[in-house]
Amino acid sequence: MNIEITTRHGHLGPDQQEYLRTKAEKLLKYFGRLMSIEVEAEPRKHDWLVEVFVSAEHKHDFVARDEAATPEAAMDGCVHKVEQQLRRYKEKVQDHHGATPQGGTSPRHPDLPEPPVPTT
């Protein structure tokens, strides 16, 4: 997996870059099939804007932006937002065999009552 950290119109120290890289690597814990992570940091007048672009297999992309007083705090906010997106996506694509379909009961669960059959 490729992690790229860039700064627009400013400079990040080595400690700050390492912090951003470590936080970006933690996203693998939530979804292991990530292809690349791009982190862009931009100093503003009174704060920092951090944007995180995550590319997963099968052309799924996730984006998060956050502003905070420091790039580290902004990165924490971005990681939280991407974590939520990855969790929702993973839940969506997971295999749900045996789950009860919406609006009915599953034939795999005989202990559940069958819906009444209308008689005419």
PDB file of N, CA and C in Angstrom:
ATOM      1  N   MET A   1       0.841  -1.180   0.000  1.00  0.00           N
ATOM      2  CA  MET A   1       0.000   0.000   0.000  1.00  0.00           C
ATOM      3  C   MET A   1       0.886   1.243   0.000  1.00  0.00           C
ATOM      4  N   ASN A   2       0.469   2.248  -0.710  1.00  0.00           N
ATOM      5  CA  ASN A   2       1.233   3.473  -0.867  1.00  0.00           C
ATOM      6  C   ASN A   2       0.600   4.595  -0.031  1.00  0.00           C
ATOM      7  N   ILE A   3       1.413   5.256   0.801  1.00  0.00           N
ATOM      8  CA  ILE A   3       0.953   6.418   1.573  1.00  0.00           C
ATOM      9  C   ILE A   3       1.769   7.617   1.119  1.00  0.00           C
ATOM     10  N   GLU A   4       1.075   8.646   0.656  1.00  0.00           N
ATOM     11  CA  GLU A   4       1.747   9.854   0.168  1.00  0.00           C
ATOM     12  C   GLU A   4       1.269  11.050   0.979  1.00  0.00           C
ATOM     13  N   ILE A   5       2.232  11.824   1.499  1.00  0.00           N
ATOM     14  CA  ILE A   5       1.911  13.011   2.296  1.00  0.00           C
ATOM     15  C   ILE A   5       2.472  14.223   1.565  1.00  0.00           C
ATOM     16  N   THR A   6       1.601  15.182   1.269  1.00  0.00           N
ATOM     17  CA  THR A   6       2.039  16.395   0.597  1.00  0.00           C
ATOM     18  C   THR A   6       1.554  17.605   1.386  1.00  0.00           C
ATOM     19  N   THR A   7       2.260  18.711   1.206  1.00  0.00           N
ATOM     20  CA  THR A   7       1.900  19.960   1.866  1.00  0.00           C
ATOM     21  C   THR A   7       1.788  21.047   0.811  1.00  0.00           C
ATOM     22  N   ARG A   8       0.688  21.757   0.831  1.00  0.00           N
ATOM     23  CA  ARG A   8       0.510  22.891  -0.077  1.00  0.00           C
ATOM     24  C   ARG A   8       0.891  24.173   0.654  1.00  0.00           C
ATOM     25  N   HIS A   9       1.740  24.964   0.067  1.00  0.00           N
ATOM     26  CA  HIS A   9       2.083  26.291   0.585  1.00  0.00           C
ATOM     27  C   HIS A   9       2.619  26.278   2.012  1.00  0.00           C
ATOM     28  N   GLY A  10       3.340  25.278   2.376  1.00  0.00           N
ATOM     29  CA  GLY A  10       3.874  25.236   3.729  1.00  0.00           C
ATOM     30  C   GLY A  10       4.837  24.078   3.899  1.00  0.00           C
ATOM     31  N   HIS A  11       5.140  23.782   5.158  1.00  0.00           N
ATOM     32  CA  HIS A  11       6.096  22.734   5.460  1.00  0.00           C
ATOM     33  C   HIS A  11       5.676  22.002   6.729  1.00  0.00           C
ATOM     34  N   LEU A  12       5.813  20.685   6.708  1.00  0.00           N
ATOM     35  CA  LEU A  12       5.582  19.867   7.891  1.00  0.00           C
ATOM     36  C   LEU A  12       6.922  19.337   8.369  1.00  0.00           C
ATOM     37  N   GLY A  13       7.120  19.339   9.678  1.00  0.00           N
ATOM     38  CA  GLY A  13       8.344  18.787  10.240  1.00  0.00           C
ATOM     39  C   GLY A  13       8.342  17.268  10.156  1.00  0.00           C
ATOM     40  N   PRO A  14       9.511  16.644  10.352  1.00  0.00           N
ATOM     41  CA  PRO A  14       9.581  15.180  10.283  1.00  0.00           C
ATOM     42  C   PRO A  14       8.680  14.484  11.309  1.00  0.00           C
ATOM     43  N   ASP A  15       8.555  15.060  12.506  1.00  0.00           N
ATOM     44  CA  ASP A  15       7.684  14.468  13.517  1.00  0.00           C
ATOM     45  C   ASP A  15       6.217  14.533  13.088  1.00  0.00           C
ATOM     46  N   GLN A  16       5.831  15.654  12.503  1.00  0.00           N
ATOM     47  CA  GLN A  16       4.458  15.802  12.036  1.00  0.00           C
ATOM     48  C   GLN A  16       4.171  14.832  10.889  1.00  0.00           C
ATOM     49  N   GLN A  17       5.110  14.694   9.961  1.00  0.00           N
ATOM     50  CA  GLN A  17       4.914  13.765   8.849  1.00  0.00           C
ATOM     51  C   GLN A  17       4.790  12.331   9.360  1.00  0.00           C
ATOM     52  N   GLU A  18       5.603  11.963  10.325  1.00  0.00           N
ATOM     53  CA  GLU A  18       5.543  10.613  10.884  1.00  0.00           C
ATOM     54  C   GLU A  18       4.207  10.376  11.589  1.00  0.00           C
ATOM     55  N   TYR A  19       3.702  11.393  12.286  1.00  0.00           N
ATOM     56  CA  TYR A  19       2.411  11.282  12.955  1.00  0.00           C
ATOM     57  C   TYR A  19       1.300  11.039  11.930  1.00  0.00           C
ATOM     58  N   LEU A  20       1.295  11.826  10.845  1.00  0.00           N
ATOM     59  CA  LEU A  20       0.281  11.676   9.804  1.00  0.00           C
ATOM     60  C   LEU A  20       0.379  10.293   9.157  1.00  0.00           C
ATOM     61  N   ARG A  21       1.590   9.820   8.917  1.00  0.00           N
ATOM     62  CA  ARG A  21       1.794   8.506   8.300  1.00  0.00           C
ATOM     63  C   ARG A  21       1.289   7.392   9.232  1.00  0.00           C
ATOM     64  N   THR A  22       1.594   7.501  10.516  1.00  0.00           N
ATOM     65  CA  THR A  22       1.150   6.493  11.480  1.00  0.00           C
ATOM     66  C   THR A  22      -0.368   6.439  11.550  1.00  0.00           C
ATOM     67  N   LYS A  23      -1.004   7.601  11.576  1.00  0.00           N
ATOM     68  CA  LYS A  23      -2.467   7.654  11.618  1.00  0.00           C
ATOM     69  C   LYS A  23      -3.069   7.060  10.347  1.00  0.00           C
ATOM     70  N   ALA A  24      -2.461   7.345   9.206  1.00  0.00           N
ATOM     71  CA  ALA A  24      -2.972   6.810   7.937  1.00  0.00           C
ATOM     72  C   ALA A  24      -2.851   5.289   7.908  1.00  0.00           C
ATOM     73  N   GLU A  25      -1.776   4.737   8.443  1.00  0.00           N
ATOM     74  CA  GLU A  25      -1.588   3.287   8.460  1.00  0.00           C
ATOM     75  C   GLU A  25      -2.638   2.587   9.311  1.00  0.00           C
ATOM     76  N   LYS A  26      -3.173   3.271  10.312  1.00  0.00           N
ATOM     77  CA  LYS A  26      -4.181   2.668  11.177  1.00  0.00           C
ATOM     78  C   LYS A  26      -5.485   2.385  10.435  1.00  0.00           C
ATOM     79  N   LEU A  27      -5.686   3.017   9.281  1.00  0.00           N
ATOM     80  CA  LEU A  27      -6.903   2.769   8.508  1.00  0.00           C
ATOM     81  C   LEU A  27      -6.940   1.340   7.972  1.00  0.00           C
ATOM     82  N   LEU A  28      -5.791   0.713   7.848  1.00  0.00           N
ATOM     83  CA  LEU A  28      -5.753  -0.676   7.374  1.00  0.00           C
ATOM     84  C   LEU A  28      -6.453  -1.623   8.345  1.00  0.00           C
ATOM     85  N   LYS A  29      -6.532  -1.220   9.610  1.00  0.00           N
ATOM     86  CA  LYS A  29      -7.194  -2.042  10.619  1.00  0.00           C
ATOM     87  C   LYS A  29      -8.684  -2.190  10.307  1.00  0.00           C
ATOM     88  N   TYR A  30      -9.266  -1.178   9.690  1.00  0.00           N
ATOM     89  CA  TYR A  30     -10.697  -1.183   9.425  1.00  0.00           C
ATOM     90  C   TYR A  30     -11.051  -1.800   8.085  1.00  0.00           C
ATOM     91  N   PHE A  31     -10.119  -1.708   7.120  1.00  0.00           N
ATOM     92  CA  PHE A  31     -10.374  -2.284   5.797  1.00  0.00           C
ATOM     93  C   PHE A  31      -9.021  -2.623   5.200  1.00  0.00           C
ATOM     94  N   GLY A  32      -8.734  -3.894   5.067  1.00  0.00           N
ATOM     95  CA  GLY A  32      -7.404  -4.347   4.682  1.00  0.00           C
ATOM     96  C   GLY A  32      -7.068  -4.219   3.208  1.00  0.00           C
ATOM     97  N   ARG A  33      -8.060  -3.956   2.358  1.00  0.00           N
ATOM     98  CA  ARG A  33      -7.803  -3.927   0.918  1.00  0.00           C
ATOM     99  C   ARG A  33      -7.688  -2.501   0.373  1.00  0.00           C
ATOM    100  N   LEU A  34      -6.924  -1.676   1.053  1.00  0.00           N
ATOM    101  CA  LEU A  34      -6.687  -0.311   0.590  1.00  0.00           C
ATOM    102  C   LEU A  34      -5.512  -0.301  -0.375  1.00  0.00           C
ATOM    103  N   MET A  35      -5.642   0.455  -1.438  1.00  0.00           N
ATOM    104  CA  MET A  35      -4.584   0.537  -2.445  1.00  0.00           C
ATOM    105  C   MET A  35      -3.626   1.691  -2.167  1.00  0.00           C
ATOM    106  N   SER A  36      -4.180   2.858  -1.846  1.00  0.00           N
ATOM    107  CA  SER A  36      -3.331   4.020  -1.569  1.00  0.00           C
ATOM    108  C   SER A  36      -4.054   4.999  -0.656  1.00  0.00           C
ATOM    109  N   ILE A  37      -3.243   5.784   0.050  1.00  0.00           N
ATOM    110  CA  ILE A  37      -3.761   6.846   0.920  1.00  0.00           C
ATOM    111  C   ILE A  37      -2.964   8.104   0.615  1.00  0.00           C
ATOM    112  N   GLU A  38      -3.660   9.171   0.288  1.00  0.00           N
ATOM    113  CA  GLU A  38      -3.011  10.463   0.045  1.00  0.00           C
ATOM    114  C   GLU A  38      -3.472  11.431   1.125  1.00  0.00           C
ATOM    115  N   VAL A  39      -2.509  12.097   1.756  1.00  0.00           N
ATOM    116  CA  VAL A  39      -2.800  13.088   2.788  1.00  0.00           C
ATOM    117  C   VAL A  39      -2.263  14.427   2.290  1.00  0.00           C
ATOM    118  N   GLU A  40      -3.124  15.422   2.240  1.00  0.00           N
ATOM    119  CA  GLU A  40      -2.722  16.770   1.833  1.00  0.00           C
ATOM    120  C   GLU A  40      -2.975  17.717   2.989  1.00  0.00           C
ATOM    121  N   ALA A  41      -1.937  18.431   3.401  1.00  0.00           N
ATOM    122  CA  ALA A  41      -2.050  19.399   4.493  1.00  0.00           C
ATOM    123  C   ALA A  41      -1.799  20.793   3.936  1.00  0.00           C
ATOM    124  N   GLU A  42      -2.605  21.731   4.363  1.00  0.00           N
ATOM    125  CA  GLU A  42      -2.468  23.111   3.885  1.00  0.00           C
ATOM    126  C   GLU A  42      -2.631  24.078   5.053  1.00  0.00           C
ATOM    127  N   PRO A  43      -1.607  24.895   5.321  1.00  0.00           N
ATOM    128  CA  PRO A  43      -1.760  25.889   6.385  1.00  0.00           C
ATOM    129  C   PRO A  43      -2.692  27.021   5.930  1.00  0.00           C
ATOM    130  N   ARG A  44      -3.566  27.425   6.812  1.00  0.00           N
ATOM    131  CA  ARG A  44      -4.454  28.568   6.564  1.00  0.00           C
ATOM    132  C   ARG A  44      -4.013  29.698   7.472  1.00  0.00           C
ATOM    133  N   LYS A  45      -4.783  30.758   7.536  1.00  0.00           N
ATOM    134  CA  LYS A  45      -4.411  31.887   8.386  1.00  0.00           C
ATOM    135  C   LYS A  45      -4.253  31.480   9.845  1.00  0.00           C
ATOM    136  N   HIS A  46      -5.273  30.826  10.376  1.00  0.00           N
ATOM    137  CA  HIS A  46      -5.266  30.516  11.806  1.00  0.00           C
ATOM    138  C   HIS A  46      -5.387  29.023  12.098  1.00  0.00           C
ATOM    139  N   ASP A  47      -5.392  28.204  11.066  1.00  0.00           N
ATOM    140  CA  ASP A  47      -5.542  26.771  11.289  1.00  0.00           C
ATOM    141  C   ASP A  47      -4.946  25.983  10.122  1.00  0.00           C
ATOM    142  N   TRP A  48      -5.145  24.682  10.135  1.00  0.00           N
ATOM    143  CA  TRP A  48      -4.655  23.787   9.090  1.00  0.00           C
ATOM    144  C   TRP A  48      -5.842  23.053   8.481  1.00  0.00           C
ATOM    145  N   LEU A  49      -5.799  22.877   7.174  1.00  0.00           N
ATOM    146  CA  LEU A  49      -6.777  22.061   6.466  1.00  0.00           C
ATOM    147  C   LEU A  49      -6.073  20.775   6.056  1.00  0.00           C
ATOM    148  N   VAL A  50      -6.635  19.645   6.438  1.00  0.00           N
ATOM    149  CA  VAL A  50      -6.082  18.347   6.052  1.00  0.00           C
ATOM    150  C   VAL A  50      -7.156  17.592   5.278  1.00  0.00           C
ATOM    151  N   GLU A  51      -6.760  17.047   4.131  1.00  0.00           N
ATOM    152  CA  GLU A  51      -7.645  16.233   3.311  1.00  0.00           C
ATOM    153  C   GLU A  51      -7.021  14.852   3.161  1.00  0.00           C
ATOM    154  N   VAL A  52      -7.849  13.825   3.291  1.00  0.00           N
ATOM    155  CA  VAL A  52      -7.384  12.448   3.156  1.00  0.00           C
ATOM    156  C   VAL A  52      -8.183  11.799   2.036  1.00  0.00           C
ATOM    157  N   PHE A  53      -7.464  11.215   1.068  1.00  0.00           N
ATOM    158  CA  PHE A  53      -8.062  10.510  -0.055  1.00  0.00           C
ATOM    159  C   PHE A  53      -7.628   9.052   0.040  1.00  0.00           C
ATOM    160  N   VAL A  54      -8.585   8.159   0.190  1.00  0.00           N
ATOM    161  CA  VAL A  54      -8.295   6.733   0.340  1.00  0.00           C
ATOM    162  C   VAL A  54      -8.883   6.002  -0.856  1.00  0.00           C
ATOM    163  N   SER A  55      -8.057   5.184  -1.493  1.00  0.00           N
ATOM    164  CA  SER A  55      -8.487   4.401  -2.635  1.00  0.00           C
ATOM    165  C   SER A  55      -8.472   2.926  -2.247  1.00  0.00           C
ATOM    166  N   ALA A  56      -9.612   2.262  -2.414  1.00  0.00           N
ATOM    167  CA  ALA A  56      -9.728   0.842  -2.089  1.00  0.00           C
ATOM    168  C   ALA A  56      -9.888   0.039  -3.375  1.00  0.00           C
ATOM    169  N   GLU A  57      -9.839  -1.275  -3.231  1.00  0.00           N
ATOM    170  CA  GLU A  57     -10.013  -2.146  -4.392  1.00  0.00           C
ATOM    171  C   GLU A  57     -11.362  -1.890  -5.046  1.00  0.00           C
ATOM    172  N   HIS A  58     -11.441  -2.193  -6.306  1.00  0.00           N
ATOM    173  CA  HIS A  58     -12.665  -2.088  -7.096  1.00  0.00           C
ATOM    174  C   HIS A  58     -13.151  -0.652  -7.234  1.00  0.00           C
ATOM    175  N   LYS A  59     -12.226   0.288  -7.281  1.00  0.00           N
ATOM    176  CA  LYS A  59     -12.501   1.697  -7.580  1.00  0.00           C
ATOM    177  C   LYS A  59     -13.421   2.380  -6.580  1.00  0.00           C
ATOM    178  N   HIS A  60     -13.284   2.048  -5.326  1.00  0.00           N
ATOM    179  CA  HIS A  60     -14.032   2.755  -4.292  1.00  0.00           C
ATOM    180  C   HIS A  60     -13.103   3.770  -3.638  1.00  0.00           C
ATOM    181  N   ASP A  61     -13.534   5.022  -3.626  1.00  0.00           N
ATOM    182  CA  ASP A  61     -12.725   6.090  -3.055  1.00  0.00           C
ATOM    183  C   ASP A  61     -13.469   6.722  -1.886  1.00  0.00           C
ATOM    184  N   PHE A  62     -12.695   7.101  -0.879  1.00  0.00           N
ATOM    185  CA  PHE A  62     -13.238   7.734   0.311  1.00  0.00           C
ATOM    186  C   PHE A  62     -12.478   9.030   0.533  1.00  0.00           C
ATOM    187  N   VAL A  63     -13.184  10.092   0.902  1.00  0.00           N
ATOM    188  CA  VAL A  63     -12.570  11.411   1.076  1.00  0.00           C
ATOM    189  C   VAL A  63     -13.041  12.001   2.396  1.00  0.00           C
ATOM    190  N   ALA A  64     -12.103  12.656   3.097  1.00  0.00           N
ATOM    191  CA  ALA A  64     -12.453  13.358   4.334  1.00  0.00           C
ATOM    192  C   ALA A  64     -11.634  14.642   4.428  1.00  0.00           C
ATOM    193  N   ARG A  65     -12.254  15.689   4.944  1.00  0.00           N
ATOM    194  CA  ARG A  65     -11.584  16.977   5.161  1.00  0.00           C
ATOM    195  C   ARG A  65     -11.870  17.426   6.586  1.00  0.00           C
ATOM    196  N   ASP A  66     -10.854  18.080   7.182  1.00  0.00           N
ATOM    197  CA  ASP A  66     -11.073  18.634   8.508  1.00  0.00           C
ATOM    198  C   ASP A  66     -10.127  19.809   8.711  1.00  0.00           C
ATOM    199  N   GLU A  67     -10.577  20.789   9.479  1.00  0.00           N
ATOM    200  CA  GLU A  67      -9.758  21.943   9.831  1.00  0.00           C
ATOM    201  C   GLU A  67      -9.573  21.954  11.344  1.00  0.00           C
ATOM    202  N   ALA A  68      -8.350  22.261  11.767  1.00  0.00           N
ATOM    203  CA  ALA A  68      -8.058  22.344  13.198  1.00  0.00           C
ATOM    204  C   ALA A  68      -6.843  23.237  13.396  1.00  0.00           C
ATOM    205  N   ALA A  69      -6.529  23.509  14.650  1.00  0.00           N
ATOM    206  CA  ALA A  69      -5.410  24.402  14.968  1.00  0.00           C
ATOM    207  C   ALA A  69      -4.065  23.812  14.571  1.00  0.00           C
ATOM    208  N   THR A  70      -3.943  22.487  14.605  1.00  0.00           N
ATOM    209  CA  THR A  70      -2.687  21.830  14.232  1.00  0.00           C
ATOM    210  C   THR A  70      -2.975  20.774  13.169  1.00  0.00           C
ATOM    211  N   PRO A  71      -1.976  20.414  12.366  1.00  0.00           N
ATOM    212  CA  PRO A  71      -2.216  19.359  11.367  1.00  0.00           C
ATOM    213  C   PRO A  71      -2.516  18.008  12.021  1.00  0.00           C
ATOM    214  N   GLU A  72      -1.961  17.783  13.202  1.00  0.00           N
ATOM    215  CA  GLU A  72      -2.223  16.527  13.896  1.00  0.00           C
ATOM    216  C   GLU A  72      -3.693  16.413  14.300  1.00  0.00           C
ATOM    217  N   ALA A  73      -4.256  17.496  14.833  1.00  0.00           N
ATOM    218  CA  ALA A  73      -5.656  17.486  15.243  1.00  0.00           C
ATOM    219  C   ALA A  73      -6.578  17.347  14.032  1.00  0.00           C
ATOM    220  N   ALA A  74      -6.224  18.017  12.940  1.00  0.00           N
ATOM    221  CA  ALA A  74      -7.028  17.901  11.727  1.00  0.00           C
ATOM    222  C   ALA A  74      -6.961  16.479  11.170  1.00  0.00           C
ATOM    223  N   MET A  75      -5.792  15.852  11.255  1.00  0.00           N
ATOM    224  CA  MET A  75      -5.647  14.473  10.785  1.00  0.00           C
ATOM    225  C   MET A  75      -6.486  13.532  11.628  1.00  0.00           C
ATOM    226  N   ASP A  76      -6.527  13.750  12.942  1.00  0.00           N
ATOM    227  CA  ASP A  76      -7.359  12.921  13.814  1.00  0.00           C
ATOM    228  C   ASP A  76      -8.827  12.976  13.378  1.00  0.00           C
ATOM    229  N   GLY A  77      -9.304  14.179  13.051  1.00  0.00           N
ATOM    230  CA  GLY A  77     -10.682  14.324  12.590  1.00  0.00           C
ATOM    231  C   GLY A  77     -10.922  13.617  11.265  1.00  0.00           C
ATOM    232  N   CYS A  78      -9.963  13.724  10.358  1.00  0.00           N
ATOM    233  CA  CYS A  78     -10.093  13.058   9.055  1.00  0.00           C
ATOM    234  C   CYS A  78     -10.104  11.541   9.207  1.00  0.00           C
ATOM    235  N   VAL A  79      -9.221  11.038  10.039  1.00  0.00           N
ATOM    236  CA  VAL A  79      -9.150   9.583  10.238  1.00  0.00           C
ATOM    237  C   VAL A  79     -10.473   9.081  10.810  1.00  0.00           C
ATOM    238  N   HIS A  80     -11.044   9.823  11.740  1.00  0.00           N
ATOM    239  CA  HIS A  80     -12.333   9.426  12.318  1.00  0.00           C
ATOM    240  C   HIS A  80     -13.406   9.357  11.232  1.00  0.00           C
ATOM    241  N   LYS A  81     -13.445  10.352  10.343  1.00  0.00           N
ATOM    242  CA  LYS A  81     -14.443  10.380   9.279  1.00  0.00           C
ATOM    243  C   LYS A  81     -14.246   9.235   8.296  1.00  0.00           C
ATOM    244  N   VAL A  82     -12.999   8.960   7.919  1.00  0.00           N
ATOM    245  CA  VAL A  82     -12.739   7.867   6.983  1.00  0.00           C
ATOM    246  C   VAL A  82     -13.049   6.522   7.631  1.00  0.00           C
ATOM    247  N   GLU A  83     -12.749   6.381   8.925  1.00  0.00           N
ATOM    248  CA  GLU A  83     -13.081   5.140   9.642  1.00  0.00           C
ATOM    249  C   GLU A  83     -14.573   4.848   9.528  1.00  0.00           C
ATOM    250  N   GLN A  84     -15.393   5.867   9.725  1.00  0.00           N
ATOM    251  CA  GLN A  84     -16.835   5.678   9.628  1.00  0.00           C
ATOM    252  C   GLN A  84     -17.235   5.246   8.227  1.00  0.00           C
ATOM    253  N   GLN A  85     -16.651   5.887   7.211  1.00  0.00           N
ATOM    254  CA  GLN A  85     -16.968   5.524   5.832  1.00  0.00           C
ATOM    255  C   GLN A  85     -16.560   4.081   5.538  1.00  0.00           C
ATOM    256  N   LEU A  86     -15.373   3.696   6.003  1.00  0.00           N
ATOM    257  CA  LEU A  86     -14.888   2.340   5.754  1.00  0.00           C
ATOM    258  C   LEU A  86     -15.754   1.306   6.477  1.00  0.00           C
ATOM    259  N   ARG A  87     -16.166   1.611   7.693  1.00  0.00           N
ATOM    260  CA  ARG A  87     -17.031   0.675   8.427  1.00  0.00           C
ATOM    261  C   ARG A  87     -18.361   0.481   7.718  1.00  0.00           C
ATOM    262  N   ARG A  88     -18.962   1.585   7.250  1.00  0.00           N
ATOM    263  CA  ARG A  88     -20.237   1.483   6.538  1.00  0.00           C
ATOM    264  C   ARG A  88     -20.066   0.684   5.249  1.00  0.00           C
ATOM    265  N   TYR A  89     -18.984   0.952   4.526  1.00  0.00           N
ATOM    266  CA  TYR A  89     -18.744   0.241   3.273  1.00  0.00           C
ATOM    267  C   TYR A  89     -18.519  -1.245   3.530  1.00  0.00           C
ATOM    268  N   LYS A  90     -17.723  -1.564   4.537  1.00  0.00           N
ATOM    269  CA  LYS A  90     -17.438  -2.961   4.856  1.00  0.00           C
ATOM    270  C   LYS A  90     -18.718  -3.688   5.263  1.00  0.00           C
ATOM    271  N   GLU A  91     -19.550  -3.041   6.050  1.00  0.00           N
ATOM    272  CA  GLU A  91     -20.828  -3.625   6.447  1.00  0.00           C
ATOM    273  C   GLU A  91     -21.702  -3.891   5.220  1.00  0.00           C
ATOM    274  N   LYS A  92     -21.662  -2.993   4.275  1.00  0.00           N
ATOM    275  CA  LYS A  92     -22.473  -3.114   3.069  1.00  0.00           C
ATOM    276  C   LYS A  92     -22.024  -4.281   2.196  1.00  0.00           C
ATOM    277  N   VAL A  93     -20.730  -4.488   2.066  1.00  0.00           N
ATOM    278  CA  VAL A  93     -20.231  -5.517   1.158  1.00  0.00           C
ATOM    279  C   VAL A  93     -20.031  -6.872   1.819  1.00  0.00           C
ATOM    280  N   GLN A  94     -20.136  -6.937   3.142  1.00  0.00           N
ATOM    281  CA  GLN A  94     -19.965  -8.228   3.813  1.00  0.00           C
ATOM    282  C   GLN A  94     -21.068  -9.181   3.409  1.00  0.00           C
ATOM    283  N   ASP A  95     -20.756 -10.434   3.446  1.00  0.00           N
ATOM    284  CA  ASP A  95     -21.693 -11.471   3.090  1.00  0.00           C
ATOM    285  C   ASP A  95     -22.662 -11.684   4.246  1.00  0.00           C
ATOM    286  N   HIS A  96     -23.941 -11.561   4.003  1.00  0.00           N
ATOM    287  CA  HIS A  96     -24.941 -11.694   5.064  1.00  0.00           C
ATOM    288  C   HIS A  96     -25.807 -12.928   4.819  1.00  0.00           C
ATOM    289  N   HIS A  97     -25.196 -14.102   4.682  1.00  0.00           N
ATOM    290  CA  HIS A  97     -25.964 -15.327   4.498  1.00  0.00           C
ATOM    291  C   HIS A  97     -26.776 -15.620   5.748  1.00  0.00           C
ATOM    292  N   GLY A  98     -27.997 -16.031   5.537  1.00  0.00           N
ATOM    293  CA  GLY A  98     -28.841 -16.393   6.666  1.00  0.00           C
ATOM    294  C   GLY A  98     -29.568 -15.231   7.292  1.00  0.00           C
ATOM    295  N   ALA A  99     -29.340 -14.036   6.796  1.00  0.00           N
ATOM    296  CA  ALA A  99     -30.026 -12.874   7.356  1.00  0.00           C
ATOM    297  C   ALA A  99     -31.476 -12.874   6.895  1.00  0.00           C
ATOM    298  N   THR A 100     -32.357 -12.422   7.739  1.00  0.00           N
ATOM    299  CA  THR A 100     -33.763 -12.350   7.394  1.00  0.00           C
ATOM    300  C   THR A 100     -33.979 -11.226   6.400  1.00  0.00           C
ATOM    301  N   PRO A 101     -34.596 -11.503   5.267  1.00  0.00           N
ATOM    302  CA  PRO A 101     -34.838 -10.430   4.306  1.00  0.00           C
ATOM    303  C   PRO A 101     -35.856  -9.444   4.854  1.00  0.00           C
ATOM    304  N   GLN A 102     -35.774  -8.223   4.364  1.00  0.00           N
ATOM    305  CA  GLN A 102     -36.717  -7.211   4.837  1.00  0.00           C
ATOM    306  C   GLN A 102     -38.127  -7.574   4.406  1.00  0.00           C
ATOM    307  N   GLY A 103     -39.060  -7.395   5.323  1.00  0.00           N
ATOM    308  CA  GLY A 103     -40.463  -7.601   4.993  1.00  0.00           C
ATOM    309  C   GLY A 103     -40.918  -9.042   5.071  1.00  0.00           C
ATOM    310  N   GLY A 104     -40.146  -9.945   5.616  1.00  0.00           N
ATOM    311  CA  GLY A 104     -40.585 -11.331   5.685  1.00  0.00           C
ATOM    312  C   GLY A 104     -39.729 -12.142   6.617  1.00  0.00           C
ATOM    313  N   THR A 105     -40.006 -13.410   6.674  1.00  0.00           N
ATOM    314  CA  THR A 105     -39.219 -14.306   7.500  1.00  0.00           C
ATOM    315  C   THR A 105     -38.388 -15.196   6.599  1.00  0.00           C
ATOM    316  N   SER A 106     -37.356 -15.713   7.131  1.00  0.00           N
ATOM    317  CA  SER A 106     -36.457 -16.555   6.362  1.00  0.00           C
ATOM    318  C   SER A 106     -36.882 -18.010   6.481  1.00  0.00           C
ATOM    319  N   PRO A 107     -36.888 -18.764   5.379  1.00  0.00           N
ATOM    320  CA  PRO A 107     -37.243 -20.180   5.469  1.00  0.00           C
ATOM    321  C   PRO A 107     -36.193 -20.981   6.246  1.00  0.00           C
ATOM    322  N   ARG A 108     -35.016 -20.427   6.476  1.00  0.00           N
ATOM    323  CA  ARG A 108     -33.967 -21.118   7.217  1.00  0.00           C
ATOM    324  C   ARG A 108     -34.236 -21.128   8.722  1.00  0.00           C
ATOM    325  N   HIS A 109     -35.195 -20.323   9.163  1.00  0.00           N
ATOM    326  CA  HIS A 109     -35.499 -20.233  10.580  1.00  0.00           C
ATOM    327  C   HIS A 109     -36.918 -20.760  10.826  1.00  0.00           C
ATOM    328  N   PRO A 110     -37.083 -22.092  10.996  1.00  0.00           N
ATOM    329  CA  PRO A 110     -38.435 -22.633  11.155  1.00  0.00           C
ATOM    330  C   PRO A 110     -39.093 -22.249  12.472  1.00  0.00           C
ATOM    331  N   ASP A 111     -38.321 -21.768  13.449  1.00  0.00           N
ATOM    332  CA  ASP A 111     -38.909 -21.413  14.732  1.00  0.00           C
ATOM    333  C   ASP A 111     -39.659 -20.081  14.667  1.00  0.00           C
ATOM    334  N   LEU A 112     -39.473 -19.335  13.594  1.00  0.00           N
ATOM    335  CA  LEU A 112     -40.196 -18.075  13.442  1.00  0.00           C
ATOM    336  C   LEU A 112     -41.570 -18.359  12.847  1.00  0.00           C
ATOM    337  N   PRO A 113     -42.599 -17.655  13.288  1.00  0.00           N
ATOM    338  CA  PRO A 113     -43.937 -17.906  12.732  1.00  0.00           C
ATOM    339  C   PRO A 113     -44.005 -17.455  11.280  1.00  0.00           C
ATOM    340  N   GLU A 114     -44.727 -18.232  10.491  1.00  0.00           N
ATOM    341  CA  GLU A 114     -44.939 -17.874   9.093  1.00  0.00           C
ATOM    342  C   GLU A 114     -45.986 -16.772   9.017  1.00  0.00           C
ATOM    343  N   PRO A 115     -45.885 -15.895   8.019  1.00  0.00           N
ATOM    344  CA  PRO A 115     -46.910 -14.861   7.882  1.00  0.00           C
ATOM    345  C   PRO A 115     -48.256 -15.522   7.514  1.00  0.00           C
ATOM    346  N   PRO A 116     -49.354 -14.919   7.959  1.00  0.00           N
ATOM    347  CA  PRO A 116     -50.667 -15.521   7.657  1.00  0.00           C
ATOM    348  C   PRO A 116     -50.949 -15.489   6.163  1.00  0.00           C
ATOM    349  N   VAL A 117     -51.557 -16.560   5.689  1.00  0.00           N
ATOM    350  CA  VAL A 117     -51.920 -16.683   4.286  1.00  0.00           C
ATOM    351  C   VAL A 117     -53.354 -16.186   4.153  1.00  0.00           C
ATOM    352  N   PRO A 118     -53.592 -15.208   3.296  1.00  0.00           N
ATOM    353  CA  PRO A 118     -54.973 -14.711   3.147  1.00  0.00           C
ATOM    354  C   PRO A 118     -55.859 -15.779   2.508  1.00  0.00           C
ATOM    355  N   THR A 119     -57.031 -15.946   3.071  1.00  0.00           N
ATOM    356  CA  THR A 119     -57.992 -16.894   2.508  1.00  0.00           C
ATOM    357  C   THR A 119     -59.131 -16.112   1.882  1.00  0.00           C
ATOM    358  N   THR A 120     -59.504 -16.532   0.706  1.00  0.00           N
ATOM    359  CA  THR A 120     -60.614 -15.839   0.033  1.00  0.00           C
ATOM    360  C   THR A 120     -61.661 -16.796  -0.419  1.00  0.00           C
TER     361      THR A 120
END
